[in-house]
């Protein structure tokens, strides 16, 4: 069962995103810089992160400005979700778990209920209800 508590990085992102959407871009930029300097994470205000997402350990987080993360997703420390060559970032489904040090690059689609192991490098789409590990990441288990 997922905890109802959310971390400080998630709260800062929601504030930053609200400011950005209400055209208070200077204030949003101040929160963005605070997150970079104090929390050690880079989460642009233009990211699309649904309510209920939890960044459990915020240090070392780097997100592309054009990504989507579904509700109920848990993200651990040192995760990179980035685009390649100026393109959009990944689309993460709902209720996923992204392990510490995982890297997801490019316009990949991660299905719902996917678990990505620590230090995995994901370069291709992952289907719903799967577990992926390794470099490059391979599906090792499918839930029924």
N, C-alpha and C. Protein backbone atom coordinates (compact mmCIF):
# COMPACT_ATOMS: atom_id res chain seq x y z
N UNK A 1 0.83 -1.18 0.00
CA UNK A 1 0.00 0.00 0.00
C UNK A 1 0.88 1.25 0.00
N UNK A 2 0.52 2.22 -0.80
CA UNK A 2 1.33 3.42 -0.93
C UNK A 2 1.06 4.39 0.22
N UNK A 3 2.11 5.01 0.69
CA UNK A 3 2.01 5.98 1.77
C UNK A 3 1.35 7.26 1.27
N UNK A 4 0.60 7.92 2.12
CA UNK A 4 -0.04 9.19 1.77
C UNK A 4 0.93 10.36 1.90
N UNK A 5 2.08 10.14 2.55
CA UNK A 5 3.06 11.20 2.74
C UNK A 5 3.84 11.43 1.45
N UNK A 6 4.13 12.68 1.16
CA UNK A 6 4.97 12.98 0.01
C UNK A 6 6.18 13.77 0.48
N UNK A 7 7.26 13.64 -0.25
CA UNK A 7 8.52 14.26 0.14
C UNK A 7 8.57 15.74 -0.19
N UNK A 8 9.60 16.39 0.32
CA UNK A 8 9.76 17.83 0.13
C UNK A 8 9.99 18.18 -1.34
N UNK A 9 10.69 17.35 -2.09
CA UNK A 9 10.92 17.64 -3.50
C UNK A 9 9.61 17.62 -4.27
N UNK A 10 8.73 16.68 -3.94
CA UNK A 10 7.43 16.60 -4.60
C UNK A 10 6.60 17.83 -4.27
N UNK A 11 6.61 18.24 -3.02
CA UNK A 11 5.88 19.44 -2.61
C UNK A 11 6.43 20.68 -3.32
N UNK A 12 7.74 20.79 -3.39
CA UNK A 12 8.35 21.93 -4.09
C UNK A 12 7.97 21.93 -5.56
N UNK A 13 7.95 20.75 -6.18
CA UNK A 13 7.56 20.67 -7.59
C UNK A 13 6.13 21.16 -7.78
N UNK A 14 5.20 20.71 -6.92
CA UNK A 14 3.81 21.12 -7.06
C UNK A 14 3.67 22.64 -6.92
N UNK A 15 4.42 23.25 -6.01
CA UNK A 15 4.42 24.71 -5.85
C UNK A 15 5.01 25.37 -7.10
N UNK A 16 6.15 24.87 -7.54
CA UNK A 16 6.82 25.42 -8.72
C UNK A 16 5.92 25.33 -9.95
N UNK A 17 5.26 24.19 -10.14
CA UNK A 17 4.39 23.98 -11.29
C UNK A 17 3.17 24.90 -11.21
N UNK A 18 2.59 25.09 -10.02
CA UNK A 18 1.44 25.97 -9.85
C UNK A 18 1.83 27.40 -10.23
N UNK A 19 2.98 27.84 -9.74
CA UNK A 19 3.46 29.19 -10.07
C UNK A 19 3.67 29.34 -11.58
N UNK A 20 4.25 28.33 -12.20
CA UNK A 20 4.53 28.33 -13.64
C UNK A 20 3.23 28.41 -14.44
N UNK A 21 2.23 27.58 -14.05
CA UNK A 21 0.95 27.56 -14.77
C UNK A 21 0.16 28.86 -14.59
N UNK A 22 0.41 29.59 -13.50
CA UNK A 22 -0.27 30.85 -13.26
C UNK A 22 0.58 32.06 -13.70
N UNK A 23 1.51 31.80 -14.59
CA UNK A 23 2.35 32.82 -15.21
C UNK A 23 3.19 33.62 -14.21
N UNK A 24 3.56 32.99 -13.10
CA UNK A 24 4.46 33.60 -12.13
C UNK A 24 5.84 32.96 -12.32
N UNK A 25 6.39 33.16 -13.50
CA UNK A 25 7.59 32.44 -13.92
C UNK A 25 8.83 32.78 -13.10
N UNK A 26 8.95 34.03 -12.64
CA UNK A 26 10.11 34.39 -11.82
C UNK A 26 10.05 33.66 -10.49
N UNK A 27 8.87 33.62 -9.88
CA UNK A 27 8.71 32.89 -8.62
C UNK A 27 8.95 31.39 -8.83
N UNK A 28 8.46 30.86 -9.94
CA UNK A 28 8.68 29.43 -10.25
C UNK A 28 10.18 29.17 -10.41
N UNK A 29 10.89 30.10 -11.03
CA UNK A 29 12.33 29.94 -11.22
C UNK A 29 13.08 29.98 -9.89
N UNK A 30 12.61 30.78 -8.95
CA UNK A 30 13.23 30.82 -7.62
C UNK A 30 13.09 29.47 -6.93
N UNK A 31 11.89 28.88 -7.01
CA UNK A 31 11.68 27.55 -6.41
C UNK A 31 12.54 26.52 -7.13
N UNK A 32 12.64 26.60 -8.46
CA UNK A 32 13.46 25.68 -9.26
C UNK A 32 14.93 25.76 -8.81
N UNK A 33 15.45 26.97 -8.65
CA UNK A 33 16.84 27.13 -8.22
C UNK A 33 17.05 26.65 -6.79
N UNK A 34 16.07 26.88 -5.92
CA UNK A 34 16.13 26.36 -4.55
C UNK A 34 16.27 24.84 -4.59
N UNK A 35 15.46 24.20 -5.42
CA UNK A 35 15.52 22.74 -5.52
C UNK A 35 16.89 22.28 -6.02
N UNK A 36 17.47 23.01 -6.97
CA UNK A 36 18.78 22.63 -7.48
C UNK A 36 19.86 22.78 -6.42
N UNK A 37 19.88 23.91 -5.73
CA UNK A 37 20.96 24.21 -4.79
C UNK A 37 20.80 23.47 -3.47
N UNK A 38 19.61 23.53 -2.89
CA UNK A 38 19.41 22.97 -1.55
C UNK A 38 19.11 21.47 -1.59
N UNK A 39 18.23 21.06 -2.50
CA UNK A 39 17.83 19.64 -2.54
C UNK A 39 18.70 18.80 -3.48
N UNK A 40 19.40 19.43 -4.39
CA UNK A 40 20.26 18.69 -5.31
C UNK A 40 19.47 17.93 -6.37
N UNK A 41 18.35 18.50 -6.79
CA UNK A 41 17.56 17.84 -7.85
C UNK A 41 17.12 18.87 -8.88
N UNK A 42 16.93 18.41 -10.11
CA UNK A 42 16.53 19.28 -11.21
C UNK A 42 15.20 18.77 -11.75
N UNK A 43 14.12 19.48 -11.38
CA UNK A 43 12.78 19.14 -11.84
C UNK A 43 12.16 20.41 -12.40
N UNK A 44 12.20 20.59 -13.72
CA UNK A 44 11.66 21.81 -14.32
C UNK A 44 10.16 21.95 -14.07
N UNK A 45 9.66 23.20 -14.00
CA UNK A 45 8.24 23.40 -13.73
C UNK A 45 7.33 22.94 -14.87
N UNK A 46 7.88 22.77 -16.06
CA UNK A 46 7.06 22.35 -17.21
C UNK A 46 6.84 20.84 -17.27
N UNK A 47 7.44 20.07 -16.37
CA UNK A 47 7.18 18.63 -16.30
C UNK A 47 5.71 18.39 -15.99
N UNK A 48 5.19 17.28 -16.47
CA UNK A 48 3.81 16.91 -16.18
C UNK A 48 3.83 15.73 -15.21
N UNK A 49 3.70 16.03 -13.93
CA UNK A 49 3.73 14.99 -12.89
C UNK A 49 2.37 14.97 -12.22
N UNK A 50 1.67 13.85 -12.33
CA UNK A 50 0.33 13.75 -11.77
C UNK A 50 0.37 13.70 -10.24
N UNK A 51 -0.73 14.10 -9.63
CA UNK A 51 -0.86 14.03 -8.18
C UNK A 51 -0.72 12.58 -7.73
N UNK A 52 -0.10 12.40 -6.58
CA UNK A 52 0.09 11.05 -6.04
C UNK A 52 1.44 10.46 -6.37
N UNK A 53 2.22 11.14 -7.22
CA UNK A 53 3.58 10.70 -7.49
C UNK A 53 4.44 11.05 -6.28
N UNK A 54 5.40 10.21 -5.95
CA UNK A 54 6.25 10.47 -4.79
C UNK A 54 7.72 10.31 -5.15
N UNK A 55 8.47 11.37 -4.92
CA UNK A 55 9.92 11.32 -5.09
C UNK A 55 10.46 11.03 -3.70
N UNK A 56 10.73 9.75 -3.45
CA UNK A 56 11.04 9.29 -2.10
C UNK A 56 12.35 9.87 -1.57
N UNK A 57 13.37 9.87 -2.38
CA UNK A 57 14.68 10.42 -1.99
C UNK A 57 15.11 11.32 -3.14
N UNK A 58 15.13 12.62 -2.90
CA UNK A 58 15.23 13.59 -3.98
C UNK A 58 16.64 13.85 -4.47
N UNK A 59 17.68 13.47 -3.77
CA UNK A 59 19.02 13.87 -4.17
C UNK A 59 19.43 13.24 -5.50
N UNK A 60 19.94 14.06 -6.40
CA UNK A 60 20.45 13.58 -7.68
C UNK A 60 19.40 13.36 -8.75
N UNK A 61 18.18 13.78 -8.53
CA UNK A 61 17.11 13.60 -9.51
C UNK A 61 17.30 14.60 -10.65
N UNK A 62 17.21 14.12 -11.90
CA UNK A 62 17.28 14.99 -13.08
C UNK A 62 16.15 14.59 -14.01
N UNK A 63 15.24 15.54 -14.30
CA UNK A 63 14.10 15.29 -15.18
C UNK A 63 14.18 16.17 -16.41
N UNK A 64 13.76 15.63 -17.56
CA UNK A 64 13.60 16.39 -18.78
C UNK A 64 12.39 17.30 -18.63
N UNK A 65 12.41 18.46 -19.26
CA UNK A 65 11.30 19.39 -19.12
C UNK A 65 10.05 18.97 -19.87
N UNK A 66 10.14 17.94 -20.71
CA UNK A 66 8.98 17.50 -21.49
C UNK A 66 8.67 16.03 -21.19
N UNK A 67 8.40 15.71 -19.92
CA UNK A 67 8.08 14.33 -19.60
C UNK A 67 6.75 14.26 -18.87
N UNK A 68 6.22 13.06 -18.79
CA UNK A 68 4.97 12.82 -18.06
C UNK A 68 5.19 11.66 -17.10
N UNK A 69 4.73 11.83 -15.85
CA UNK A 69 4.81 10.78 -14.84
C UNK A 69 3.42 10.57 -14.28
N UNK A 70 2.95 9.32 -14.32
CA UNK A 70 1.61 8.98 -13.87
C UNK A 70 1.48 8.95 -12.35
N UNK A 71 0.24 9.00 -11.89
CA UNK A 71 -0.07 9.00 -10.46
C UNK A 71 0.38 7.70 -9.81
N UNK A 72 0.78 7.79 -8.56
CA UNK A 72 1.16 6.62 -7.80
C UNK A 72 2.56 6.11 -8.05
N UNK A 73 3.32 6.80 -8.88
CA UNK A 73 4.69 6.38 -9.18
C UNK A 73 5.63 6.80 -8.05
N UNK A 74 6.55 5.91 -7.70
CA UNK A 74 7.56 6.20 -6.68
C UNK A 74 8.92 6.24 -7.36
N UNK A 75 9.67 7.31 -7.09
CA UNK A 75 10.98 7.50 -7.71
C UNK A 75 12.02 7.64 -6.60
N UNK A 76 13.08 6.86 -6.70
CA UNK A 76 14.15 6.90 -5.70
C UNK A 76 15.30 7.79 -6.17
N UNK A 77 16.37 7.89 -5.36
CA UNK A 77 17.44 8.85 -5.61
C UNK A 77 18.26 8.55 -6.86
N UNK A 78 18.88 9.63 -7.38
CA UNK A 78 19.79 9.58 -8.53
C UNK A 78 19.16 9.04 -9.80
N UNK A 79 17.89 9.29 -10.00
CA UNK A 79 17.19 8.86 -11.21
C UNK A 79 17.26 9.96 -12.26
N UNK A 80 17.53 9.55 -13.50
CA UNK A 80 17.54 10.49 -14.63
C UNK A 80 16.45 10.08 -15.60
N UNK A 81 15.55 11.01 -15.89
CA UNK A 81 14.50 10.81 -16.90
C UNK A 81 14.73 11.88 -17.95
N UNK A 82 15.38 11.52 -19.04
CA UNK A 82 15.81 12.53 -19.99
C UNK A 82 15.43 12.25 -21.42
N UNK A 83 15.46 13.31 -22.20
CA UNK A 83 15.23 13.18 -23.63
C UNK A 83 16.56 13.00 -24.35
N UNK A 84 16.48 12.65 -25.61
CA UNK A 84 17.68 12.51 -26.44
C UNK A 84 17.60 13.49 -27.60
N UNK A 85 18.65 14.24 -27.81
CA UNK A 85 18.77 15.16 -28.94
C UNK A 85 17.62 16.15 -29.01
N UNK A 86 17.25 16.74 -27.88
CA UNK A 86 16.24 17.78 -27.85
C UNK A 86 14.80 17.32 -27.98
N UNK A 87 14.57 16.01 -27.96
CA UNK A 87 13.22 15.49 -28.11
C UNK A 87 12.53 15.39 -26.75
N UNK A 88 11.28 14.97 -26.78
CA UNK A 88 10.52 14.80 -25.57
C UNK A 88 11.14 13.73 -24.69
N UNK A 89 10.86 13.83 -23.40
CA UNK A 89 11.33 12.84 -22.45
C UNK A 89 10.37 11.66 -22.40
N UNK A 90 10.62 10.74 -21.49
CA UNK A 90 9.79 9.55 -21.38
C UNK A 90 8.38 9.82 -20.87
N UNK A 91 7.50 8.87 -21.12
CA UNK A 91 6.15 8.87 -20.56
C UNK A 91 6.07 7.69 -19.61
N UNK A 92 5.91 7.99 -18.34
CA UNK A 92 5.87 6.96 -17.30
C UNK A 92 4.41 6.72 -16.92
N UNK A 93 4.00 5.46 -16.90
CA UNK A 93 2.62 5.12 -16.55
C UNK A 93 2.33 5.28 -15.06
N UNK A 94 1.17 4.81 -14.67
CA UNK A 94 0.74 4.92 -13.27
C UNK A 94 1.28 3.77 -12.43
N UNK A 95 1.48 4.05 -11.14
CA UNK A 95 1.88 3.04 -10.14
C UNK A 95 3.17 2.31 -10.49
N UNK A 96 4.14 3.04 -11.00
CA UNK A 96 5.45 2.45 -11.31
C UNK A 96 6.40 2.68 -10.15
N UNK A 97 7.45 1.89 -10.09
CA UNK A 97 8.53 2.09 -9.14
C UNK A 97 9.82 2.17 -9.94
N UNK A 98 10.55 3.28 -9.75
CA UNK A 98 11.80 3.48 -10.46
C UNK A 98 12.92 3.46 -9.43
N UNK A 99 13.76 2.44 -9.49
CA UNK A 99 14.81 2.22 -8.50
C UNK A 99 15.93 3.23 -8.56
N UNK A 100 16.72 3.25 -7.49
CA UNK A 100 17.83 4.19 -7.35
C UNK A 100 18.82 4.07 -8.50
N UNK A 101 19.21 5.21 -9.06
CA UNK A 101 20.21 5.24 -10.11
C UNK A 101 19.72 4.85 -11.49
N UNK A 102 18.43 4.59 -11.64
CA UNK A 102 17.90 4.21 -12.95
C UNK A 102 17.96 5.37 -13.92
N UNK A 103 18.15 5.06 -15.19
CA UNK A 103 18.21 6.06 -16.25
C UNK A 103 17.22 5.65 -17.33
N UNK A 104 16.31 6.56 -17.68
CA UNK A 104 15.34 6.31 -18.74
C UNK A 104 15.52 7.44 -19.75
N UNK A 105 15.93 7.08 -20.96
CA UNK A 105 16.30 8.09 -21.96
C UNK A 105 15.47 7.96 -23.23
N UNK A 106 15.11 9.10 -23.79
CA UNK A 106 14.41 9.14 -25.06
C UNK A 106 12.91 9.17 -24.89
N UNK A 107 12.22 9.08 -26.02
CA UNK A 107 10.76 9.13 -26.05
C UNK A 107 10.19 7.75 -25.81
N UNK A 108 10.58 7.11 -24.72
CA UNK A 108 10.10 5.77 -24.42
C UNK A 108 8.82 5.85 -23.61
N UNK A 109 8.00 4.80 -23.72
CA UNK A 109 6.76 4.71 -22.95
C UNK A 109 6.90 3.56 -21.97
N UNK A 110 6.72 3.89 -20.70
CA UNK A 110 6.76 2.90 -19.64
C UNK A 110 5.32 2.65 -19.24
N UNK A 111 4.88 1.40 -19.32
CA UNK A 111 3.49 1.06 -19.03
C UNK A 111 3.13 1.24 -17.56
N UNK A 112 1.89 0.92 -17.23
CA UNK A 112 1.41 1.00 -15.86
C UNK A 112 1.94 -0.18 -15.04
N UNK A 113 2.15 0.05 -13.75
CA UNK A 113 2.57 -1.00 -12.81
C UNK A 113 3.91 -1.64 -13.19
N UNK A 114 4.84 -0.84 -13.69
CA UNK A 114 6.16 -1.33 -14.09
C UNK A 114 7.15 -1.07 -12.96
N UNK A 115 8.02 -2.05 -12.70
CA UNK A 115 9.11 -1.88 -11.74
C UNK A 115 10.41 -1.85 -12.52
N UNK A 116 11.21 -0.82 -12.28
CA UNK A 116 12.51 -0.69 -12.94
C UNK A 116 13.58 -0.78 -11.86
N UNK A 117 14.49 -1.73 -12.01
CA UNK A 117 15.49 -2.01 -11.00
C UNK A 117 16.54 -0.91 -10.87
N UNK A 118 17.25 -0.96 -9.77
CA UNK A 118 18.31 0.01 -9.50
C UNK A 118 19.37 -0.04 -10.60
N UNK A 119 19.82 1.13 -11.03
CA UNK A 119 20.88 1.30 -12.03
C UNK A 119 20.54 0.75 -13.42
N UNK A 120 19.28 0.45 -13.68
CA UNK A 120 18.87 0.00 -15.01
C UNK A 120 18.93 1.18 -15.98
N UNK A 121 19.21 0.88 -17.25
CA UNK A 121 19.22 1.90 -18.30
C UNK A 121 18.16 1.50 -19.32
N UNK A 122 17.07 2.27 -19.35
CA UNK A 122 15.93 1.95 -20.22
C UNK A 122 16.00 2.81 -21.47
N UNK A 123 16.05 2.15 -22.63
CA UNK A 123 16.12 2.85 -23.91
C UNK A 123 14.98 2.48 -24.83
N UNK A 124 14.15 1.49 -24.42
CA UNK A 124 13.02 1.02 -25.23
C UNK A 124 11.77 0.96 -24.37
N UNK A 125 10.62 0.95 -25.02
CA UNK A 125 9.34 0.88 -24.32
C UNK A 125 9.25 -0.37 -23.45
N UNK A 126 8.54 -0.24 -22.33
CA UNK A 126 8.30 -1.38 -21.44
C UNK A 126 6.79 -1.59 -21.31
N UNK A 127 6.32 -2.84 -21.44
CA UNK A 127 4.88 -3.11 -21.37
C UNK A 127 4.33 -3.01 -19.94
N UNK A 128 3.02 -2.91 -19.83
CA UNK A 128 2.36 -2.90 -18.53
C UNK A 128 2.74 -4.13 -17.72
N UNK A 129 2.74 -3.97 -16.39
CA UNK A 129 2.92 -5.07 -15.44
C UNK A 129 4.21 -5.85 -15.62
N UNK A 130 5.29 -5.16 -15.93
CA UNK A 130 6.57 -5.83 -16.13
C UNK A 130 7.61 -5.34 -15.13
N UNK A 131 8.69 -6.13 -15.01
CA UNK A 131 9.84 -5.75 -14.21
C UNK A 131 11.05 -5.77 -15.14
N UNK A 132 11.83 -4.69 -15.15
CA UNK A 132 12.98 -4.60 -16.04
C UNK A 132 14.23 -4.26 -15.23
N UNK A 133 15.34 -4.92 -15.57
CA UNK A 133 16.62 -4.67 -14.91
C UNK A 133 17.74 -4.75 -15.95
N UNK A 134 18.90 -4.21 -15.59
CA UNK A 134 20.09 -4.38 -16.42
C UNK A 134 20.45 -3.17 -17.26
N UNK A 135 21.60 -3.34 -17.96
CA UNK A 135 22.11 -2.30 -18.85
C UNK A 135 22.41 -2.96 -20.19
N UNK A 136 21.64 -2.72 -21.22
CA UNK A 136 20.38 -2.02 -21.23
C UNK A 136 19.29 -2.86 -20.55
N UNK A 137 18.24 -2.20 -20.09
CA UNK A 137 17.19 -2.89 -19.34
C UNK A 137 16.44 -3.89 -20.21
N UNK A 138 16.19 -5.06 -19.60
CA UNK A 138 15.42 -6.12 -20.24
C UNK A 138 14.32 -6.55 -19.30
N UNK A 139 13.18 -6.91 -19.86
CA UNK A 139 12.07 -7.40 -19.05
C UNK A 139 12.43 -8.79 -18.54
N UNK A 140 12.40 -8.95 -17.21
CA UNK A 140 12.73 -10.23 -16.61
C UNK A 140 11.51 -10.92 -15.99
N UNK A 141 10.43 -10.16 -15.85
CA UNK A 141 9.25 -10.73 -15.21
C UNK A 141 8.01 -9.97 -15.68
N UNK A 142 6.94 -10.73 -15.92
CA UNK A 142 5.65 -10.14 -16.25
C UNK A 142 4.65 -10.56 -15.19
N UNK A 143 3.94 -9.60 -14.61
CA UNK A 143 2.90 -9.90 -13.63
C UNK A 143 1.64 -10.30 -14.37
N UNK A 144 0.87 -11.12 -13.74
CA UNK A 144 -0.39 -11.56 -14.36
C UNK A 144 -1.54 -10.69 -13.95
